Amino acid sequence: MNGLQIETMQQMLAIVTLFLGALLIGVIFNAYRIVKQPTLLYFIYGLFTLIVGITFADLVGIFTPDEFIVLWAAVFSRIVVILGLCVMAYGILRG
């Protein structure tokens, strides 16, 4: 497999990750509607941020071939992942 095939596979898996993440967020939101626990809302916000952060660099790679932008997107992606984990931890510790 060459580099282009691997990059294409990563981009396809990023799109699958977004869809599965949206499904999981929907399931957790249905649980929130039943129990009305604010902790679940924080968890949903954090999970959304985490999923977007995980897939951000791969999605930027789909829309731009510029290597400089892709590298900085990877850095930004890691920062967003850290923020998402912090929001999830805050929601759990608050609850």
C-alpha atoms as a PDB file:
ATOM      1  CA  MET A   1       0.000   0.000   0.000  1.00  0.00           C
ATOM      2  CA  ASN A   2       1.321   3.399  -0.846  1.00  0.00           C
ATOM      3  CA  GLY A   3       0.912   6.597   1.143  1.00  0.00           C
ATOM      4  CA  LEU A   4      -2.070   7.838  -0.832  1.00  0.00           C
ATOM      5  CA  GLN A   5      -4.057   4.662  -0.187  1.00  0.00           C
ATOM      6  CA  ILE A   6      -3.333   4.845   3.537  1.00  0.00           C
ATOM      7  CA  GLU A   7      -4.319   8.502   3.673  1.00  0.00           C
ATOM      8  CA  THR A   8      -7.568   7.754   1.826  1.00  0.00           C
ATOM      9  CA  MET A   9      -8.333   4.928   4.248  1.00  0.00           C
ATOM     10  CA  GLN A  10      -7.726   7.263   7.212  1.00  0.00           C
ATOM     11  CA  GLN A  11     -10.110   9.828   5.729  1.00  0.00           C
ATOM     12  CA  MET A  12     -12.822   7.216   5.180  1.00  0.00           C
ATOM     13  CA  LEU A  13     -12.399   5.969   8.745  1.00  0.00           C
ATOM     14  CA  ALA A  14     -12.675   9.559   9.992  1.00  0.00           C
ATOM     15  CA  ILE A  15     -16.061   9.881   8.292  1.00  0.00           C
ATOM     16  CA  VAL A  16     -17.194   6.560   9.814  1.00  0.00           C
ATOM     17  CA  THR A  17     -15.998   7.830  13.218  1.00  0.00           C
ATOM     18  CA  LEU A  18     -18.130  10.958  12.819  1.00  0.00           C
ATOM     19  CA  PHE A  19     -21.231   8.925  12.014  1.00  0.00           C
ATOM     20  CA  LEU A  20     -20.709   6.497  14.905  1.00  0.00           C
ATOM     21  CA  GLY A  21     -20.016   9.414  17.242  1.00  0.00           C
ATOM     22  CA  ALA A  22     -23.243  11.109  16.174  1.00  0.00           C
ATOM     23  CA  LEU A  23     -25.098   7.870  16.850  1.00  0.00           C
ATOM     24  CA  LEU A  24     -23.551   7.572  20.308  1.00  0.00           C
ATOM     25  CA  ILE A  25     -24.368  11.201  21.117  1.00  0.00           C
ATOM     26  CA  GLY A  26     -27.968  10.555  20.072  1.00  0.00           C
ATOM     27  CA  VAL A  27     -28.210   7.538  22.381  1.00  0.00           C
ATOM     28  CA  ILE A  28     -26.763   9.488  25.310  1.00  0.00           C
ATOM     29  CA  PHE A  29     -29.137  12.391  24.612  1.00  0.00           C
ATOM     30  CA  ASN A  30     -32.099  10.017  24.749  1.00  0.00           C
ATOM     31  CA  ALA A  31     -30.823   8.840  28.130  1.00  0.00           C
ATOM     32  CA  TYR A  32     -30.583  12.477  29.224  1.00  0.00           C
ATOM     33  CA  ARG A  33     -34.203  13.111  28.228  1.00  0.00           C
ATOM     34  CA  ILE A  34     -35.257  10.246  30.490  1.00  0.00           C
ATOM     35  CA  VAL A  35     -33.194  11.033  33.604  1.00  0.00           C
ATOM     36  CA  LYS A  36     -32.667  14.836  33.207  1.00  0.00           C
ATOM     37  CA  GLN A  37     -29.157  14.571  34.665  1.00  0.00           C
ATOM     38  CA  PRO A  38     -27.062  17.673  33.757  1.00  0.00           C
ATOM     39  CA  THR A  39     -23.904  15.567  33.953  1.00  0.00           C
ATOM     40  CA  LEU A  40     -24.971  13.800  30.776  1.00  0.00           C
ATOM     41  CA  LEU A  41     -25.153  17.125  28.937  1.00  0.00           C
ATOM     42  CA  TYR A  42     -21.570  17.954  29.889  1.00  0.00           C
ATOM     43  CA  PHE A  43     -20.584  14.473  28.823  1.00  0.00           C
ATOM     44  CA  ILE A  44     -22.314  14.990  25.450  1.00  0.00           C
ATOM     45  CA  TYR A  45     -20.553  18.339  24.921  1.00  0.00           C
ATOM     46  CA  GLY A  46     -17.217  16.767  25.740  1.00  0.00           C
ATOM     47  CA  LEU A  47     -17.866  13.742  23.546  1.00  0.00           C
ATOM     48  CA  PHE A  48     -18.823  15.976  20.619  1.00  0.00           C
ATOM     49  CA  THR A  49     -15.631  18.000  21.058  1.00  0.00           C
ATOM     50  CA  LEU A  50     -13.595  14.812  21.357  1.00  0.00           C
ATOM     51  CA  ILE A  51     -15.036  13.304  18.167  1.00  0.00           C
ATOM     52  CA  VAL A  52     -14.550  16.504  16.182  1.00  0.00           C
ATOM     53  CA  GLY A  53     -11.006  16.784  17.502  1.00  0.00           C
ATOM     54  CA  ILE A  54     -10.148  13.213  16.610  1.00  0.00           C
ATOM     55  CA  THR A  55     -11.352  13.546  13.033  1.00  0.00           C
ATOM     56  CA  PHE A  56     -10.396  17.187  12.368  1.00  0.00           C
ATOM     57  CA  ALA A  57      -6.933  16.601  10.907  1.00  0.00           C
ATOM     58  CA  ASP A  58      -8.180  13.889   8.538  1.00  0.00           C
ATOM     59  CA  LEU A  59     -11.110  16.019   7.391  1.00  0.00           C
ATOM     60  CA  VAL A  60      -8.832  18.988   6.717  1.00  0.00           C
ATOM     61  CA  GLY A  61      -6.701  16.645   4.612  1.00  0.00           C
ATOM     62  CA  ILE A  62      -9.738  15.933   2.434  1.00  0.00           C
ATOM     63  CA  PHE A  63     -10.324  19.601   1.612  1.00  0.00           C
ATOM     64  CA  THR A  64      -6.779  20.932   1.262  1.00  0.00           C
ATOM     65  CA  PRO A  65      -3.579  19.425  -0.127  1.00  0.00           C
ATOM     66  CA  ASP A  66      -1.374  22.046   1.594  1.00  0.00           C
ATOM     67  CA  GLU A  67       1.040  20.184   3.876  1.00  0.00           C
ATOM     68  CA  PHE A  68       1.559  23.194   6.194  1.00  0.00           C
ATOM     69  CA  ILE A  69      -2.168  23.513   6.916  1.00  0.00           C
ATOM     70  CA  VAL A  70      -2.516  19.762   7.453  1.00  0.00           C
ATOM     71  CA  LEU A  71       0.319  19.778  10.010  1.00  0.00           C
ATOM     72  CA  TRP A  72      -1.196  22.677  11.953  1.00  0.00           C
ATOM     73  CA  ALA A  73      -4.601  21.001  11.766  1.00  0.00           C
ATOM     74  CA  ALA A  74      -3.054  18.001  13.532  1.00  0.00           C
ATOM     75  CA  VAL A  75      -1.787  20.267  16.315  1.00  0.00           C
ATOM     76  CA  PHE A  76      -5.173  21.976  16.623  1.00  0.00           C
ATOM     77  CA  SER A  77      -6.825  18.562  16.614  1.00  0.00           C
ATOM     78  CA  ARG A  78      -4.817  17.450  19.649  1.00  0.00           C
ATOM     79  CA  ILE A  79      -5.733  20.645  21.519  1.00  0.00           C
ATOM     80  CA  VAL A  80      -9.437  20.100  20.802  1.00  0.00           C
ATOM     81  CA  VAL A  81      -9.175  16.479  21.979  1.00  0.00           C
ATOM     82  CA  ILE A  82      -7.620  17.638  25.262  1.00  0.00           C
ATOM     83  CA  LEU A  83     -10.409  20.197  25.728  1.00  0.00           C
ATOM     84  CA  GLY A  84     -13.048  17.540  25.040  1.00  0.00           C
ATOM     85  CA  LEU A  85     -11.522  15.194  27.604  1.00  0.00           C
ATOM     86  CA  CYS A  86     -11.402  18.023  30.156  1.00  0.00           C
ATOM     87  CA  VAL A  87     -15.083  18.828  29.588  1.00  0.00           C
ATOM     88  CA  MET A  88     -15.999  15.167  29.993  1.00  0.00           C
ATOM     89  CA  ALA A  89     -13.951  14.904  33.182  1.00  0.00           C
ATOM     90  CA  TYR A  90     -15.544  18.091  34.530  1.00  0.00           C
ATOM     91  CA  GLY A  91     -19.007  16.735  33.845  1.00  0.00           C
ATOM     92  CA  ILE A  92     -18.226  13.466  35.605  1.00  0.00           C
ATOM     93  CA  LEU A  93     -16.575  15.113  38.601  1.00  0.00           C
ATOM     94  CA  ARG A  94     -19.369  17.677  38.905  1.00  0.00           C
ATOM     95  CA  GLY A  95     -22.079  15.015  38.873  1.00  0.00           C
END
